[in-house]
N, C-alpha and C. Protein backbone atom coordinates (compact mmCIF):
# COMPACT_ATOMS: atom_id res chain seq x y z
N MET A 1 159.54 23.77 -3.05
CA MET A 1 159.89 22.97 -1.89
C MET A 1 159.16 21.62 -1.96
N VAL A 2 159.91 20.55 -1.92
CA VAL A 2 159.34 19.21 -1.98
C VAL A 2 159.21 18.67 -0.56
N THR A 3 158.01 18.24 -0.22
CA THR A 3 157.80 17.66 1.10
C THR A 3 157.72 16.15 0.97
N THR A 4 158.22 15.47 1.95
CA THR A 4 158.24 14.01 1.94
C THR A 4 156.84 13.49 2.24
N PRO A 5 156.33 12.57 1.42
CA PRO A 5 155.02 11.99 1.72
C PRO A 5 155.09 11.06 2.93
N HIS A 6 153.98 10.94 3.60
CA HIS A 6 153.86 10.04 4.75
C HIS A 6 152.73 9.06 4.48
N CYS A 7 152.84 7.89 5.02
CA CYS A 7 151.83 6.85 4.85
C CYS A 7 150.47 7.35 5.31
N TYR A 8 149.44 7.10 4.51
CA TYR A 8 148.10 7.54 4.87
C TYR A 8 147.58 6.80 6.09
N ARG A 9 148.07 5.60 6.34
CA ARG A 9 147.54 4.78 7.43
C ARG A 9 148.25 5.02 8.76
N CYS A 10 149.60 4.94 8.75
CA CYS A 10 150.33 5.02 10.02
C CYS A 10 151.11 6.32 10.20
N GLY A 11 151.29 7.10 9.14
CA GLY A 11 152.00 8.36 9.24
C GLY A 11 153.51 8.26 9.11
N ALA A 12 154.04 7.06 8.86
CA ALA A 12 155.49 6.88 8.72
C ALA A 12 156.00 7.58 7.46
N SER A 13 157.21 8.08 7.52
CA SER A 13 157.82 8.74 6.37
C SER A 13 158.09 7.72 5.26
N LEU A 14 157.85 8.14 4.03
CA LEU A 14 158.10 7.30 2.86
C LEU A 14 159.34 7.75 2.11
N ALA A 15 160.21 8.50 2.79
CA ALA A 15 161.41 9.06 2.15
C ALA A 15 162.32 7.97 1.59
N GLU A 16 162.42 6.84 2.26
CA GLU A 16 163.32 5.79 1.79
C GLU A 16 162.83 5.12 0.51
N LEU A 17 161.56 5.28 0.15
CA LEU A 17 161.05 4.69 -1.08
C LEU A 17 161.44 5.51 -2.31
N GLY A 18 161.61 6.80 -2.11
CA GLY A 18 161.95 7.68 -3.23
C GLY A 18 160.74 7.98 -4.10
N LEU A 19 160.88 9.02 -4.88
CA LEU A 19 159.81 9.43 -5.79
C LEU A 19 160.26 9.21 -7.22
N PRO A 20 159.41 8.86 -8.12
CA PRO A 20 157.99 8.57 -7.95
C PRO A 20 157.79 7.21 -7.26
N LEU A 21 156.69 7.12 -6.54
CA LEU A 21 156.37 5.87 -5.86
C LEU A 21 156.01 4.82 -6.91
N GLY A 22 156.51 3.62 -6.74
CA GLY A 22 156.18 2.53 -7.64
C GLY A 22 154.79 1.98 -7.34
N ARG A 23 154.20 1.31 -8.31
CA ARG A 23 152.84 0.80 -8.14
C ARG A 23 152.73 -0.20 -7.00
N LEU A 24 153.75 -0.97 -6.75
CA LEU A 24 153.69 -1.99 -5.70
C LEU A 24 154.50 -1.62 -4.46
N ASP A 25 154.91 -0.36 -4.33
CA ASP A 25 155.64 0.06 -3.13
C ASP A 25 154.74 -0.06 -1.90
N GLU A 26 155.36 -0.41 -0.78
CA GLU A 26 154.64 -0.55 0.48
C GLU A 26 155.29 0.31 1.54
N CYS A 27 154.49 0.72 2.50
CA CYS A 27 154.99 1.49 3.64
C CYS A 27 155.96 0.60 4.42
N PRO A 28 157.16 1.10 4.73
CA PRO A 28 158.12 0.28 5.48
C PRO A 28 157.66 -0.04 6.90
N ALA A 29 156.76 0.75 7.46
CA ALA A 29 156.32 0.54 8.84
C ALA A 29 155.12 -0.41 8.94
N CYS A 30 154.07 -0.16 8.15
CA CYS A 30 152.85 -0.95 8.30
C CYS A 30 152.55 -1.84 7.10
N GLU A 31 153.37 -1.77 6.06
CA GLU A 31 153.30 -2.63 4.89
C GLU A 31 152.02 -2.52 4.06
N VAL A 32 151.33 -1.37 4.10
CA VAL A 32 150.20 -1.17 3.19
C VAL A 32 150.72 -0.63 1.87
N GLN A 33 149.99 -0.88 0.81
CA GLN A 33 150.36 -0.35 -0.49
C GLN A 33 150.18 1.17 -0.46
N VAL A 34 151.10 1.90 -1.10
CA VAL A 34 151.04 3.36 -1.03
C VAL A 34 150.70 4.03 -2.36
N HIS A 35 150.70 3.29 -3.47
CA HIS A 35 150.27 3.87 -4.76
C HIS A 35 148.76 3.65 -4.86
N VAL A 36 148.02 4.29 -3.97
CA VAL A 36 146.58 4.12 -3.86
C VAL A 36 145.90 5.48 -3.91
N CYS A 37 144.64 5.48 -4.27
CA CYS A 37 143.89 6.74 -4.36
C CYS A 37 143.93 7.52 -3.05
N ARG A 38 143.84 6.84 -1.94
CA ARG A 38 143.80 7.50 -0.63
C ARG A 38 145.08 8.30 -0.36
N MET A 39 146.18 7.98 -1.05
CA MET A 39 147.46 8.68 -0.88
C MET A 39 147.63 9.84 -1.85
N CYS A 40 146.70 10.02 -2.77
CA CYS A 40 146.87 10.97 -3.88
C CYS A 40 146.36 12.37 -3.54
N THR A 41 147.01 13.37 -4.14
CA THR A 41 146.56 14.76 -3.94
C THR A 41 145.20 15.00 -4.57
N HIS A 42 144.81 14.19 -5.54
CA HIS A 42 143.51 14.35 -6.22
C HIS A 42 142.36 13.68 -5.46
N PHE A 43 142.67 12.89 -4.44
CA PHE A 43 141.63 12.18 -3.69
C PHE A 43 140.75 13.18 -2.94
N ALA A 44 139.44 13.06 -3.12
CA ALA A 44 138.48 13.93 -2.44
C ALA A 44 137.19 13.14 -2.22
N PRO A 45 136.94 12.70 -1.00
CA PRO A 45 135.76 11.87 -0.74
C PRO A 45 134.43 12.55 -1.05
N GLN A 46 134.42 13.87 -1.09
CA GLN A 46 133.17 14.59 -1.27
C GLN A 46 132.77 14.80 -2.73
N VAL A 47 133.60 14.40 -3.69
CA VAL A 47 133.26 14.59 -5.10
C VAL A 47 132.94 13.26 -5.77
N VAL A 48 132.34 13.34 -6.97
CA VAL A 48 132.00 12.15 -7.73
C VAL A 48 133.28 11.37 -8.04
N LYS A 49 133.21 10.07 -7.94
CA LYS A 49 134.35 9.15 -8.13
C LYS A 49 135.45 9.39 -7.09
N GLN A 50 135.26 10.27 -6.15
CA GLN A 50 136.22 10.62 -5.10
C GLN A 50 137.56 11.06 -5.67
N CYS A 51 137.53 11.72 -6.82
CA CYS A 51 138.75 12.17 -7.48
C CYS A 51 138.51 13.52 -8.14
N ARG A 52 139.43 14.47 -7.90
CA ARG A 52 139.30 15.79 -8.51
C ARG A 52 139.79 15.83 -9.96
N GLU A 53 140.48 14.79 -10.39
CA GLU A 53 140.99 14.73 -11.77
C GLU A 53 139.89 14.18 -12.67
N ASP A 54 139.34 15.03 -13.53
CA ASP A 54 138.22 14.64 -14.38
C ASP A 54 138.58 13.55 -15.39
N ASP A 55 139.80 13.53 -15.88
CA ASP A 55 140.19 12.58 -16.92
C ASP A 55 140.62 11.22 -16.39
N ALA A 56 140.77 11.08 -15.10
CA ALA A 56 141.23 9.81 -14.52
C ALA A 56 140.12 8.77 -14.60
N GLU A 57 140.52 7.54 -14.88
CA GLU A 57 139.55 6.45 -14.88
C GLU A 57 139.13 6.17 -13.44
N GLU A 58 137.89 5.71 -13.28
CA GLU A 58 137.40 5.44 -11.93
C GLU A 58 138.09 4.21 -11.34
N VAL A 59 138.52 4.35 -10.11
CA VAL A 59 139.11 3.23 -9.36
C VAL A 59 138.15 2.94 -8.22
N ARG A 60 137.65 1.73 -8.16
CA ARG A 60 136.64 1.41 -7.16
C ARG A 60 137.21 1.24 -5.76
N ASP A 61 138.33 0.53 -5.65
CA ASP A 61 138.93 0.30 -4.34
C ASP A 61 140.03 1.34 -4.11
N LYS A 62 139.75 2.32 -3.29
CA LYS A 62 140.65 3.45 -3.07
C LYS A 62 141.85 3.10 -2.19
N PHE A 63 141.89 1.87 -1.65
CA PHE A 63 142.97 1.46 -0.75
C PHE A 63 143.84 0.36 -1.34
N ARG A 64 143.72 0.08 -2.63
CA ARG A 64 144.54 -0.93 -3.30
C ARG A 64 145.36 -0.28 -4.40
N ALA A 65 146.52 -0.85 -4.67
CA ALA A 65 147.41 -0.31 -5.70
C ALA A 65 146.68 -0.25 -7.05
N ASN A 66 146.98 0.80 -7.82
CA ASN A 66 146.34 0.97 -9.11
C ASN A 66 147.34 1.50 -10.13
N PHE A 67 146.88 1.66 -11.36
CA PHE A 67 147.74 2.10 -12.46
C PHE A 67 147.44 3.54 -12.88
N CYS A 68 146.84 4.34 -12.04
CA CYS A 68 146.44 5.70 -12.40
C CYS A 68 147.65 6.54 -12.82
N ASP A 69 147.56 7.14 -14.01
CA ASP A 69 148.64 7.99 -14.51
C ASP A 69 148.66 9.36 -13.85
N TYR A 70 147.58 9.72 -13.16
CA TYR A 70 147.49 11.03 -12.53
C TYR A 70 147.92 11.01 -11.06
N PHE A 71 148.35 9.85 -10.58
CA PHE A 71 148.72 9.71 -9.17
C PHE A 71 149.87 10.65 -8.81
N LYS A 72 149.66 11.40 -7.74
CA LYS A 72 150.69 12.28 -7.19
C LYS A 72 150.56 12.17 -5.67
N PRO A 73 151.60 11.67 -4.98
CA PRO A 73 151.48 11.45 -3.53
C PRO A 73 151.26 12.75 -2.77
N SER A 74 150.37 12.69 -1.83
CA SER A 74 150.04 13.84 -0.99
C SER A 74 150.84 13.79 0.30
N ALA A 75 151.39 14.94 0.67
CA ALA A 75 152.13 15.02 1.93
C ALA A 75 151.17 15.06 3.12
N ALA A 76 149.90 15.34 2.86
CA ALA A 76 148.91 15.45 3.92
C ALA A 76 147.91 14.29 3.92
N ALA A 77 148.30 13.15 3.38
CA ALA A 77 147.38 12.03 3.27
C ALA A 77 147.11 11.34 4.60
N HIS A 78 148.03 11.45 5.55
CA HIS A 78 147.86 10.75 6.83
C HIS A 78 146.70 11.34 7.61
N ASP A 79 145.82 10.46 8.06
CA ASP A 79 144.68 10.84 8.87
C ASP A 79 144.74 10.02 10.16
N PRO A 80 145.01 10.67 11.31
CA PRO A 80 145.14 9.91 12.56
C PRO A 80 143.91 9.09 12.92
N SER A 81 142.75 9.42 12.40
CA SER A 81 141.55 8.65 12.72
C SER A 81 141.63 7.24 12.15
N PHE A 82 142.40 7.04 11.04
CA PHE A 82 142.59 5.70 10.51
C PHE A 82 143.34 4.84 11.52
N ALA A 83 144.40 5.38 12.10
CA ALA A 83 145.18 4.63 13.08
C ALA A 83 144.33 4.32 14.31
N ALA A 84 143.51 5.27 14.74
CA ALA A 84 142.65 5.04 15.90
C ALA A 84 141.62 3.96 15.60
N ALA A 85 141.03 3.99 14.41
CA ALA A 85 140.04 2.98 14.03
C ALA A 85 140.69 1.61 13.92
N ASP A 86 141.90 1.56 13.37
CA ASP A 86 142.63 0.30 13.24
C ASP A 86 142.94 -0.27 14.62
N SER A 87 143.40 0.56 15.51
CA SER A 87 143.73 0.12 16.86
C SER A 87 142.48 -0.38 17.59
N GLN A 88 141.37 0.32 17.41
CA GLN A 88 140.12 -0.08 18.05
C GLN A 88 139.65 -1.44 17.51
N ALA A 89 139.74 -1.62 16.20
CA ALA A 89 139.33 -2.89 15.59
C ALA A 89 140.20 -4.04 16.07
N ARG A 90 141.52 -3.81 16.17
CA ARG A 90 142.41 -4.85 16.67
C ARG A 90 142.09 -5.20 18.12
N GLY A 91 141.75 -4.20 18.92
CA GLY A 91 141.37 -4.45 20.30
C GLY A 91 140.10 -5.28 20.41
N GLN A 92 139.13 -4.98 19.54
CA GLN A 92 137.89 -5.75 19.54
C GLN A 92 138.13 -7.19 19.11
N LEU A 93 139.01 -7.39 18.12
CA LEU A 93 139.34 -8.75 17.69
C LEU A 93 140.05 -9.51 18.79
N ALA A 94 140.97 -8.85 19.48
CA ALA A 94 141.67 -9.50 20.58
C ALA A 94 140.68 -9.90 21.68
N GLY A 95 139.72 -9.04 21.95
CA GLY A 95 138.72 -9.36 22.95
C GLY A 95 137.82 -10.50 22.52
N LEU A 96 137.53 -10.58 21.23
CA LEU A 96 136.66 -11.62 20.71
C LEU A 96 137.35 -12.98 20.69
N PHE A 97 138.60 -13.00 20.27
CA PHE A 97 139.32 -14.25 20.11
C PHE A 97 140.32 -14.54 21.22
N GLY A 98 140.37 -13.72 22.23
CA GLY A 98 141.32 -13.93 23.31
C GLY A 98 142.67 -13.32 22.99
N ASP A 99 143.60 -13.44 23.90
CA ASP A 99 144.93 -12.90 23.69
C ASP A 99 145.70 -13.79 22.75
N ALA A 100 146.01 -13.27 21.56
CA ALA A 100 146.80 -14.03 20.59
C ALA A 100 148.13 -13.32 20.38
N ASP A 101 149.18 -14.09 20.13
CA ASP A 101 150.46 -13.46 19.85
C ASP A 101 150.46 -12.98 18.40
N GLU A 102 151.58 -12.42 17.92
CA GLU A 102 151.64 -11.84 16.59
C GLU A 102 151.44 -12.88 15.50
N ALA A 103 151.77 -14.13 15.74
CA ALA A 103 151.60 -15.17 14.73
C ALA A 103 150.16 -15.66 14.68
N GLY A 104 149.32 -15.17 15.58
CA GLY A 104 147.93 -15.57 15.59
C GLY A 104 147.64 -16.79 16.42
N GLN A 105 148.62 -17.28 17.18
CA GLN A 105 148.43 -18.45 18.02
C GLN A 105 148.20 -18.01 19.45
N SER A 106 147.22 -18.59 20.08
CA SER A 106 146.99 -18.27 21.48
C SER A 106 147.96 -19.07 22.34
N PRO A 107 148.21 -18.61 23.55
CA PRO A 107 149.20 -19.27 24.41
C PRO A 107 148.88 -20.73 24.70
N ASP A 108 147.59 -21.12 24.75
CA ASP A 108 147.28 -22.51 25.10
C ASP A 108 147.13 -23.41 23.88
N ASP A 109 147.62 -23.02 22.71
CA ASP A 109 147.72 -23.82 21.49
C ASP A 109 146.42 -24.53 21.14
N PRO A 110 145.48 -23.83 20.50
CA PRO A 110 144.21 -24.45 20.12
C PRO A 110 144.38 -25.56 19.10
N ALA A 111 145.44 -25.52 18.28
CA ALA A 111 145.66 -26.60 17.32
C ALA A 111 145.96 -27.90 18.06
N GLY A 112 146.73 -27.82 19.12
CA GLY A 112 147.03 -28.99 19.93
C GLY A 112 145.78 -29.54 20.61
N ALA A 113 144.92 -28.63 21.06
CA ALA A 113 143.67 -29.07 21.69
C ALA A 113 142.76 -29.75 20.68
N ALA A 114 142.73 -29.24 19.45
CA ALA A 114 141.92 -29.88 18.41
C ALA A 114 142.45 -31.26 18.05
N ASP A 115 143.77 -31.39 17.99
CA ASP A 115 144.38 -32.69 17.72
C ASP A 115 144.02 -33.70 18.81
N ASP A 116 143.98 -33.24 20.05
CA ASP A 116 143.65 -34.11 21.17
C ASP A 116 142.22 -34.66 21.06
N LEU A 117 141.32 -33.93 20.43
CA LEU A 117 139.94 -34.38 20.28
C LEU A 117 139.83 -35.62 19.40
N PHE A 118 140.74 -35.74 18.44
CA PHE A 118 140.66 -36.83 17.48
C PHE A 118 141.60 -37.99 17.78
N LYS A 119 142.13 -38.08 18.98
CA LYS A 119 143.02 -39.18 19.37
C LYS A 119 142.25 -40.27 20.06
């Protein structure tokens, strides 16, 4: 029985990407790279190199796309605590920088205010 992998970050289904996942494939919902150690069945934070595959080369950044030949997507890679931490961090940034829209511009246009300083 083949189970559909889900994004490790947001939990969205990756069924539309098809298997095997390409090295540069991204989650359709949150756009993170999915051919990453954190998505692999061999990923284990408690072991040396955080990988159960002894022959795999060490990958330092577990959240970036890599060329590992042992990569096999895990159906259980999604961890809801990642989404909670991401949401908390975004809330803290919004509180620090004020209410910004999705493009990163605040409603009172700080670029316009900066231009006014030099007139």
